[in-house]
Amino acid sequence: MQLTLQVRKDIAMDLHQLHPVEPESKELLSILSKSESELKPMHPNVNDQNLAAYFFAIVPDSIDAEKVISKLQSNKAVEAVYFKPRDEAP
C-alpha cells in the first residue's frame, strides 16, 4: 500500500539530505523502517519548498497500514498522511 506524506518544510529539507539530523526526521524514518518501508521524495532534486515537502512510502501488505498511519500522524514533522487506495478497473 502506498502512503503519501506531507512534512513540514524545514523537515523536508533535512530529509532530502543523505543523513538527516533533526530528531523528528530520525523518528519518522524509524517508524517507517520498523514497518519495512522506506521514505522516498515525490519530487527529488527540486528547489521548490512546497514540492519538496511531499514524500511516499510503500508499506508491505503484511503490515497494518492503519497503525503506521496512526504513528506517523503523531510525529510532529508530519503535516498530512494518507494511503492511496488500490487501483481498480472501472
Protein backbone atom coordinates (compact mmCIF):
# COMPACT_ATOMS: atom_id res chain seq x y z
CA MET A 1 0.00 0.00 0.00
CA GLN A 2 1.36 3.42 -0.90
CA LEU A 3 1.36 6.15 1.74
CA THR A 4 1.65 9.78 0.76
CA LEU A 5 3.12 12.16 3.32
CA GLN A 6 3.43 15.91 3.58
CA VAL A 7 6.02 17.03 6.10
CA ARG A 8 6.99 20.41 7.50
CA LYS A 9 9.15 22.39 5.08
CA ASP A 10 12.10 22.57 7.48
CA ILE A 11 11.97 18.81 7.97
CA ALA A 12 11.60 18.23 4.22
CA MET A 13 14.93 19.94 3.59
CA ASP A 14 16.51 17.76 6.28
CA LEU A 15 15.02 14.57 4.81
CA HIS A 16 16.37 15.40 1.35
CA GLN A 17 19.90 15.19 2.81
CA LEU A 18 21.80 11.92 2.84
CA HIS A 19 21.97 11.90 6.64
CA PRO A 20 19.08 13.76 8.30
CA VAL A 21 19.97 15.27 11.66
CA GLU A 22 16.68 16.56 13.06
CA PRO A 23 15.12 14.36 15.78
CA GLU A 24 11.71 14.49 14.06
CA SER A 25 13.29 13.29 10.82
CA LYS A 26 15.02 10.42 12.57
CA GLU A 27 11.81 9.43 14.36
CA LEU A 28 9.86 9.49 11.10
CA LEU A 29 12.44 7.31 9.38
CA SER A 30 12.44 4.93 12.35
CA ILE A 31 8.66 4.49 12.19
CA LEU A 32 8.88 3.63 8.50
CA SER A 33 11.87 1.35 8.97
CA LYS A 34 10.00 -0.64 11.62
CA SER A 35 7.15 -1.07 9.13
CA GLU A 36 9.59 -2.33 6.48
CA SER A 37 9.10 0.85 4.45
CA GLU A 38 11.40 3.46 3.01
CA LEU A 39 10.65 7.15 2.59
CA LYS A 40 11.16 8.50 -0.93
CA PRO A 41 10.67 12.04 -2.23
CA MET A 42 7.85 12.55 -4.71
CA HIS A 43 9.83 15.35 -6.34
CA PRO A 44 13.55 14.62 -5.95
CA ASN A 45 16.08 17.36 -6.62
CA VAL A 46 13.61 20.27 -6.58
CA ASN A 47 14.29 23.69 -5.12
CA ASP A 48 10.61 24.45 -4.50
CA GLN A 49 9.97 24.01 -0.77
CA ASN A 50 6.29 23.25 -1.34
CA LEU A 51 7.03 20.33 -3.67
CA ALA A 52 9.96 19.14 -1.56
CA ALA A 53 7.57 18.54 1.35
CA TYR A 54 5.87 15.57 -0.37
CA PHE A 55 7.10 12.01 0.08
CA PHE A 56 5.78 8.50 -0.36
CA ALA A 57 6.42 5.11 1.19
CA ILE A 58 5.29 1.64 0.19
CA VAL A 59 4.02 -0.39 3.15
CA PRO A 60 4.02 -4.17 2.60
CA ASP A 61 0.64 -5.91 2.68
CA SER A 62 1.80 -7.87 5.72
CA ILE A 63 1.96 -4.64 7.77
CA ASP A 64 -1.15 -2.92 9.19
CA ALA A 65 -1.10 0.38 7.29
CA GLU A 66 -3.63 1.98 9.66
CA LYS A 67 -1.24 1.51 12.59
CA VAL A 68 1.62 3.01 10.58
CA ILE A 69 -0.56 5.98 9.63
CA SER A 70 -1.54 6.49 13.27
CA LYS A 71 2.11 6.53 14.35
CA LEU A 72 3.03 8.92 11.54
CA GLN A 73 0.20 11.29 12.45
CA SER A 74 1.62 11.58 15.96
CA ASN A 75 5.01 12.63 14.57
CA LYS A 76 5.47 16.41 14.81
CA ALA A 77 7.18 16.50 11.41
CA VAL A 78 4.16 15.12 9.55
CA GLU A 79 1.51 17.59 8.42
CA ALA A 80 -0.60 15.07 6.49
CA VAL A 81 -0.55 11.37 5.65
CA TYR A 82 -2.95 9.21 3.69
CA PHE A 83 -2.90 5.96 1.79
CA LYS A 84 -3.62 5.59 -1.87
CA PRO A 85 -6.43 3.09 -2.48
CA ARG A 86 -5.63 0.19 -4.75
CA ASP A 87 -6.24 0.78 -8.43
CA GLU A 88 -9.42 -0.85 -9.64
CA ALA A 89 -10.80 -1.43 -13.08
CA PRO A 90 -13.68 0.92 -14.00
